[in-house]
Amino acid sequence: MAFPVPDLPARVRIHEVGARDGLQNEKSSVPTEVKAEFIHRLAAAGLTTIEATSFVHPKWVPQLADAETLFPLLSDVPAALPVLVPNERGLDRALALGATRIAVFGSATETFAARNLNRSVAESLAMFEPVVARAKAGRAHVRGYLSMCFGDPWEGPVPVHQVVRVAKTLLDLGCDELSLGDTIGVATPGHVQALLSALNEAGVGTDRIGVHFHDTYGQALSNTLAALQHGVTTVDASAGGLGGCPYAKSATGNLATEDLVWMLDGLGIDTGVDLAALTATSVWMAERLGRPSPSRTVKALSHKEQ
């Protein structure tokens, strides 16, 4: 039963990241055929945006070394299939396979930029400039990820003005949308609303912002609700709560898509997602990974069915 709350969005678009952000953090590589089946099942459950893979060098993310093999297997998937590209070489590989939605991955802090991209923040933004320009010239949709928006394991709390500066630069490069990442899960609702307000004051419309929360301190859903209250309508989540960040050891799993859908269903917010089908998909994937899903909703609903 739904109990709507005033002034919340009528619909939320879930940007599903389990197949990329989730599986890239696995200790061993998942077979390409399993990844393809996972993505097909996610689409069948009603997800309309499913991040498929990353065209990063296999040395850095060996779990996604099969991008060229996987992407052609998804030609019949009825969903948008963004792919992550780190540089122009990655863009070339993605465009050669017909990708029409790409994402670049930046950092709001210098330490994480150095550890994740081997560059300073300014150098990484300079690297993204031709990537975004070429992608836009080819009529591709471009998403900009911005990590460490709330806290950094090496630098501590990240000043709001610092995040706003880097966020605006990414958008000025030509990104169509921006995903704000709470990479180590330290955000709280007030901090979320403060950052969103500061971005609005700097001329960044809420309609261009998505949020990407981790559940390290159990705050992912409360932070999501705070973002919805501010007008955000794009939320990143990972089926079954898969993933973290291989370059930030304190980062635990992403917000589980099932947990998000349970909350949104209860608020009467439309997602187009069939929760039962999604839960079955995460149970199926957990069996292939050899461990149970950390999603509380998956645990509750799958136990109920037994």
Protein backbone atom coordinates (compact mmCIF):
# COMPACT_ATOMS: atom_id res chain seq x y z
CA MET A 1 0.00 0.00 0.00
CA ALA A 2 1.32 3.43 -0.94
CA PHE A 3 1.30 6.48 1.33
CA PRO A 4 2.36 9.45 -0.83
CA VAL A 5 4.17 12.38 0.76
CA PRO A 6 3.59 15.91 -0.57
CA ASP A 7 6.18 17.63 -2.77
CA LEU A 8 8.02 14.50 -3.88
CA PRO A 9 8.53 13.60 -7.56
CA ALA A 10 5.81 11.54 -9.24
CA ARG A 11 8.40 9.42 -11.03
CA VAL A 12 12.06 8.52 -10.46
CA ARG A 13 14.44 7.16 -13.08
CA ILE A 14 16.72 4.52 -11.61
CA HIS A 15 20.19 4.47 -13.14
CA GLU A 16 21.12 0.82 -12.59
CA VAL A 17 24.86 0.35 -12.02
CA GLY A 18 25.07 -3.28 -10.85
CA ALA A 19 26.45 -4.70 -14.09
CA ARG A 20 29.31 -2.21 -14.18
CA ASP A 21 29.97 -0.60 -10.81
CA GLY A 22 28.81 -3.75 -9.03
CA LEU A 23 30.70 -6.40 -10.96
CA GLN A 24 33.91 -4.39 -11.34
CA ASN A 25 34.47 -4.83 -7.61
CA GLU A 26 34.29 -8.64 -7.69
CA LYS A 27 37.49 -10.51 -6.80
CA SER A 28 37.17 -12.68 -9.88
CA SER A 29 35.72 -12.02 -13.32
CA VAL A 30 32.13 -13.00 -14.02
CA PRO A 31 31.64 -14.90 -17.33
CA THR A 32 30.54 -12.68 -20.19
CA GLU A 33 27.43 -14.78 -20.82
CA VAL A 34 26.35 -14.33 -17.19
CA LYS A 35 26.80 -10.55 -17.43
CA ALA A 36 24.72 -10.46 -20.60
CA GLU A 37 21.96 -12.54 -19.01
CA PHE A 38 22.06 -10.30 -15.92
CA ILE A 39 21.52 -7.18 -18.03
CA HIS A 40 18.72 -8.81 -20.02
CA ARG A 41 17.00 -9.80 -16.77
CA LEU A 42 17.37 -6.30 -15.34
CA ALA A 43 15.73 -4.84 -18.43
CA ALA A 44 12.93 -7.41 -18.25
CA ALA A 45 12.30 -6.26 -14.66
CA GLY A 46 11.58 -2.76 -15.98
CA LEU A 47 14.87 -0.91 -15.57
CA THR A 48 15.28 1.55 -18.43
CA THR A 49 18.86 2.70 -17.84
CA ILE A 50 21.44 -0.02 -17.20
CA GLU A 51 25.13 0.83 -17.13
CA ALA A 52 26.62 -2.02 -19.11
CA THR A 53 30.40 -1.98 -18.81
CA SER A 54 33.55 0.11 -18.84
CA PHE A 55 36.04 0.63 -21.66
CA VAL A 56 38.95 1.11 -19.28
CA HIS A 57 42.28 -0.65 -19.78
CA PRO A 58 42.02 -4.28 -18.55
CA LYS A 59 45.10 -3.72 -16.39
CA TRP A 60 43.11 -1.37 -14.16
CA VAL A 61 39.75 -3.17 -14.08
CA PRO A 62 40.32 -6.77 -15.23
CA GLN A 63 36.76 -7.73 -14.28
CA LEU A 64 35.49 -5.67 -17.23
CA ALA A 65 38.11 -6.69 -19.77
CA ASP A 66 35.41 -8.30 -21.90
CA ALA A 67 33.68 -5.03 -22.87
CA GLU A 68 34.15 -5.62 -26.62
CA THR A 69 32.69 -9.11 -26.32
CA LEU A 70 29.83 -8.17 -24.00
CA PHE A 71 28.42 -5.05 -25.65
CA PRO A 72 27.39 -6.71 -28.94
CA LEU A 73 25.42 -9.30 -26.94
CA LEU A 74 23.17 -6.49 -25.68
CA SER A 75 21.87 -5.18 -29.00
CA ASP A 76 18.34 -6.40 -28.25
CA VAL A 77 18.14 -5.01 -24.71
CA PRO A 78 15.19 -2.56 -24.50
CA ALA A 79 17.02 -0.07 -22.29
CA ALA A 80 19.59 2.70 -22.49
CA LEU A 81 23.06 1.20 -22.00
CA PRO A 82 25.61 3.77 -20.82
CA VAL A 83 29.27 2.76 -20.73
CA LEU A 84 32.14 4.27 -18.78
CA VAL A 85 35.10 5.64 -20.76
CA PRO A 86 38.24 6.95 -19.05
CA ASN A 87 39.86 8.69 -22.02
CA GLU A 88 39.82 9.05 -25.81
CA ARG A 89 41.07 5.50 -26.35
CA GLY A 90 38.15 4.19 -24.31
CA LEU A 91 35.79 6.45 -26.26
CA ASP A 92 37.09 5.08 -29.57
CA ARG A 93 36.43 1.53 -28.40
CA ALA A 94 32.90 2.39 -27.23
CA LEU A 95 31.93 4.34 -30.34
CA ALA A 96 33.25 1.59 -32.60
CA LEU A 97 30.63 -0.71 -31.07
CA GLY A 98 27.82 1.79 -31.47
CA ALA A 99 27.55 3.11 -27.91
CA THR A 100 25.32 6.19 -27.74
CA ARG A 101 25.57 6.95 -24.01
CA ILE A 102 28.92 7.39 -22.34
CA ALA A 103 30.11 8.43 -18.91
CA VAL A 104 33.33 9.97 -17.59
CA PHE A 105 34.46 9.57 -14.00
CA GLY A 106 35.99 12.52 -12.14
CA SER A 107 36.93 13.31 -8.56
CA ALA A 108 36.20 16.25 -6.28
CA THR A 109 39.44 15.64 -4.37
CA GLU A 110 43.08 15.63 -5.39
CA THR A 111 44.08 12.46 -3.53
CA PHE A 112 41.39 10.29 -5.09
CA ALA A 113 42.07 11.79 -8.53
CA ALA A 114 45.72 10.80 -8.15
CA ARG A 115 44.90 7.29 -6.94
CA ASN A 116 42.08 6.61 -9.39
CA LEU A 117 43.22 8.49 -12.49
CA ASN A 118 46.94 9.11 -11.84
CA ARG A 119 46.28 12.79 -12.44
CA SER A 120 45.39 15.95 -10.58
CA VAL A 121 41.79 17.16 -10.66
CA ALA A 122 42.69 19.80 -13.26
CA GLU A 123 44.60 17.28 -15.38
CA SER A 124 41.71 14.82 -15.28
CA LEU A 125 39.25 17.49 -16.38
CA ALA A 126 41.58 18.42 -19.22
CA MET A 127 41.67 14.74 -20.23
CA PHE A 128 37.86 14.62 -20.27
CA GLU A 129 37.47 17.74 -22.42
CA PRO A 130 38.15 16.11 -25.82
CA VAL A 131 36.28 12.96 -24.75
CA VAL A 132 33.12 14.91 -23.99
CA ALA A 133 33.50 17.14 -27.06
CA ARG A 134 33.91 14.20 -29.43
CA ALA A 135 31.06 12.26 -27.82
CA LYS A 136 28.73 15.25 -28.11
CA ALA A 137 29.81 15.82 -31.71
CA GLY A 138 28.71 12.23 -32.34
CA ARG A 139 25.36 12.99 -30.66
CA ALA A 140 26.07 10.76 -27.68
CA HIS A 141 24.55 11.47 -24.28
CA VAL A 142 27.28 12.19 -21.72
CA ARG A 143 27.07 11.63 -17.98
CA GLY A 144 29.70 12.99 -15.62
CA TYR A 145 30.37 11.06 -12.44
CA LEU A 146 31.85 13.06 -9.59
CA SER A 147 33.21 10.97 -6.74
CA MET A 148 34.12 11.97 -3.17
CA CYS A 149 31.43 14.66 -3.04
CA PHE A 150 30.93 14.40 0.71
CA GLY A 151 34.00 12.83 2.25
CA ASP A 152 37.37 11.42 1.24
CA PRO A 153 39.20 8.66 3.19
CA TRP A 154 42.50 10.55 2.92
CA GLU A 155 41.37 14.20 3.01
CA GLY A 156 38.35 13.97 5.30
CA PRO A 157 35.21 16.08 4.82
CA VAL A 158 35.08 17.72 1.39
CA PRO A 159 34.11 21.42 1.33
CA VAL A 160 30.86 22.08 -0.52
CA HIS A 161 32.38 24.91 -2.58
CA GLN A 162 35.11 22.55 -3.79
CA VAL A 163 32.53 20.05 -5.07
CA VAL A 164 30.52 22.81 -6.74
CA ARG A 165 33.60 24.10 -8.57
CA VAL A 166 34.48 20.70 -10.06
CA ALA A 167 30.83 19.88 -10.78
CA LYS A 168 30.34 23.10 -12.73
CA THR A 169 33.50 22.45 -14.72
CA LEU A 170 32.25 18.99 -15.73
CA LEU A 171 28.95 20.44 -16.87
CA ASP A 172 30.68 23.29 -18.67
CA LEU A 173 32.65 20.70 -20.64
CA GLY A 174 29.33 19.57 -22.08
CA CYS A 175 28.09 16.78 -19.82
CA ASP A 176 24.32 16.36 -20.04
CA GLU A 177 23.93 15.17 -16.46
CA LEU A 178 25.98 14.90 -13.30
CA SER A 179 25.98 12.06 -10.77
CA LEU A 180 27.05 13.13 -7.27
CA GLY A 181 28.89 10.27 -5.59
CA ASP A 182 29.06 9.62 -1.87
CA THR A 183 31.89 7.19 -2.54
CA ILE A 184 32.60 6.21 1.07
CA GLY A 185 29.06 6.61 2.35
CA VAL A 186 29.61 9.40 4.89
CA ALA A 187 26.88 11.79 3.71
CA THR A 188 23.90 12.71 5.87
CA PRO A 189 20.60 14.28 4.72
CA GLY A 190 21.46 17.84 5.73
CA HIS A 191 24.77 17.65 3.89
CA VAL A 192 22.97 16.34 0.80
CA GLN A 193 20.53 19.23 0.78
CA ALA A 194 23.31 21.76 1.45
CA LEU A 195 25.27 20.54 -1.58
CA LEU A 196 22.20 20.50 -3.82
CA SER A 197 21.27 24.04 -2.72
CA ALA A 198 24.81 25.27 -3.37
CA LEU A 199 24.74 23.74 -6.85
CA ASN A 200 21.41 25.44 -7.56
CA GLU A 201 22.81 28.77 -6.38
CA ALA A 202 25.73 28.26 -8.76
CA GLY A 203 23.34 27.83 -11.67
CA VAL A 204 23.18 24.02 -11.82
CA GLY A 205 19.59 22.89 -12.23
CA THR A 206 18.33 19.96 -10.18
CA ASP A 207 17.04 18.39 -13.41
CA ARG A 208 20.67 17.76 -14.43
CA ILE A 209 21.65 16.06 -11.17
CA GLY A 210 21.58 12.40 -10.15
CA VAL A 211 22.69 10.98 -6.80
CA HIS A 212 24.84 7.94 -6.08
CA PHE A 213 24.89 6.86 -2.43
CA HIS A 214 26.77 4.11 -0.64
CA ASP A 215 25.36 2.53 2.51
CA THR A 216 28.47 2.43 4.70
CA TYR A 217 26.70 4.07 7.65
CA GLY A 218 23.18 2.97 6.71
CA GLN A 219 22.33 6.42 5.35
CA ALA A 220 21.78 5.70 1.64
CA LEU A 221 17.97 5.67 1.74
CA SER A 222 17.67 8.67 4.05
CA ASN A 223 20.07 10.59 1.83
CA THR A 224 18.04 9.57 -1.22
CA LEU A 225 14.85 10.85 0.41
CA ALA A 226 16.59 14.15 1.16
CA ALA A 227 17.56 14.42 -2.52
CA LEU A 228 13.99 13.62 -3.63
CA GLN A 229 12.68 16.35 -1.33
CA HIS A 230 15.00 18.72 -3.16
CA GLY A 231 13.55 17.66 -6.52
CA VAL A 232 16.11 15.12 -7.73
CA THR A 233 14.52 12.49 -10.00
CA THR A 234 17.54 10.36 -11.02
CA VAL A 235 18.93 7.90 -8.48
CA ASP A 236 21.78 5.46 -9.01
CA ALA A 237 21.41 2.02 -7.47
CA SER A 238 22.84 -1.46 -7.83
CA ALA A 239 20.76 -4.63 -8.06
CA GLY A 240 21.31 -6.71 -4.96
CA GLY A 241 23.56 -4.01 -3.46
CA LEU A 242 26.54 -5.16 -5.49
CA GLY A 243 29.69 -3.12 -5.62
CA GLY A 244 31.79 -0.54 -3.90
CA CYS A 245 34.91 1.13 -5.21
CA PRO A 246 38.17 -0.76 -5.89
CA TYR A 247 40.22 2.40 -5.27
CA ALA A 248 38.55 3.39 -2.00
CA LYS A 249 38.91 0.52 0.43
CA SER A 250 36.49 1.97 2.98
CA ALA A 251 33.67 2.05 0.42
CA THR A 252 31.02 -0.58 1.03
CA GLY A 253 28.20 -1.55 -1.28
CA ASN A 254 26.02 0.69 -3.35
CA LEU A 255 22.42 1.42 -2.45
CA ALA A 256 20.52 -1.76 -3.36
CA THR A 257 18.01 -1.19 -6.16
CA GLU A 258 15.45 -3.39 -4.39
CA ASP A 259 15.69 -1.34 -1.20
CA LEU A 260 15.22 1.83 -3.24
CA VAL A 261 12.22 0.45 -5.14
CA TRP A 262 10.60 -0.74 -1.89
CA MET A 263 10.81 2.79 -0.48
CA LEU A 264 9.64 4.46 -3.68
CA ASP A 265 6.73 2.03 -4.09
CA GLY A 266 5.67 2.83 -0.54
CA LEU A 267 5.73 6.54 -1.35
CA GLY A 268 3.62 6.02 -4.47
CA ILE A 269 6.51 7.11 -6.72
CA ASP A 270 6.56 5.41 -10.11
CA THR A 271 9.74 3.67 -11.27
CA GLY A 272 8.37 1.19 -13.79
CA VAL A 273 10.26 -1.58 -11.99
CA ASP A 274 8.71 -4.92 -11.08
CA LEU A 275 10.12 -5.54 -7.60
CA ALA A 276 9.43 -9.29 -7.63
CA ALA A 277 11.21 -9.75 -10.96
CA LEU A 278 14.11 -7.59 -9.81
CA THR A 279 14.45 -9.55 -6.57
CA ALA A 280 14.46 -12.83 -8.50
CA THR A 281 17.21 -11.44 -10.73
CA SER A 282 19.37 -10.50 -7.75
CA VAL A 283 18.84 -13.91 -6.17
CA TRP A 284 19.85 -15.49 -9.50
CA MET A 285 23.00 -13.33 -9.65
CA ALA A 286 23.89 -14.00 -6.02
CA GLU A 287 23.79 -17.73 -6.76
CA ARG A 288 26.29 -17.23 -9.57
CA LEU A 289 28.54 -15.17 -7.32
CA GLY A 290 28.34 -17.81 -4.62
CA ARG A 291 27.08 -15.59 -1.80
CA PRO A 292 23.79 -14.07 -0.63
CA SER A 293 22.73 -10.58 -1.63
CA PRO A 294 23.35 -7.91 1.04
CA SER A 295 20.07 -6.18 0.11
CA ARG A 296 17.65 -6.23 3.03
CA THR A 297 14.68 -6.28 0.67
CA VAL A 298 16.07 -9.20 -1.32
CA LYS A 299 16.61 -11.10 1.93
CA ALA A 300 13.11 -10.32 3.19
CA LEU A 301 11.25 -11.11 -0.03
CA SER A 302 13.26 -14.21 -0.96
CA HIS A 303 12.84 -15.59 2.58
CA LYS A 304 9.11 -14.92 2.35
CA GLU A 305 8.88 -17.03 -0.80
CA GLN A 306 10.62 -20.03 0.75
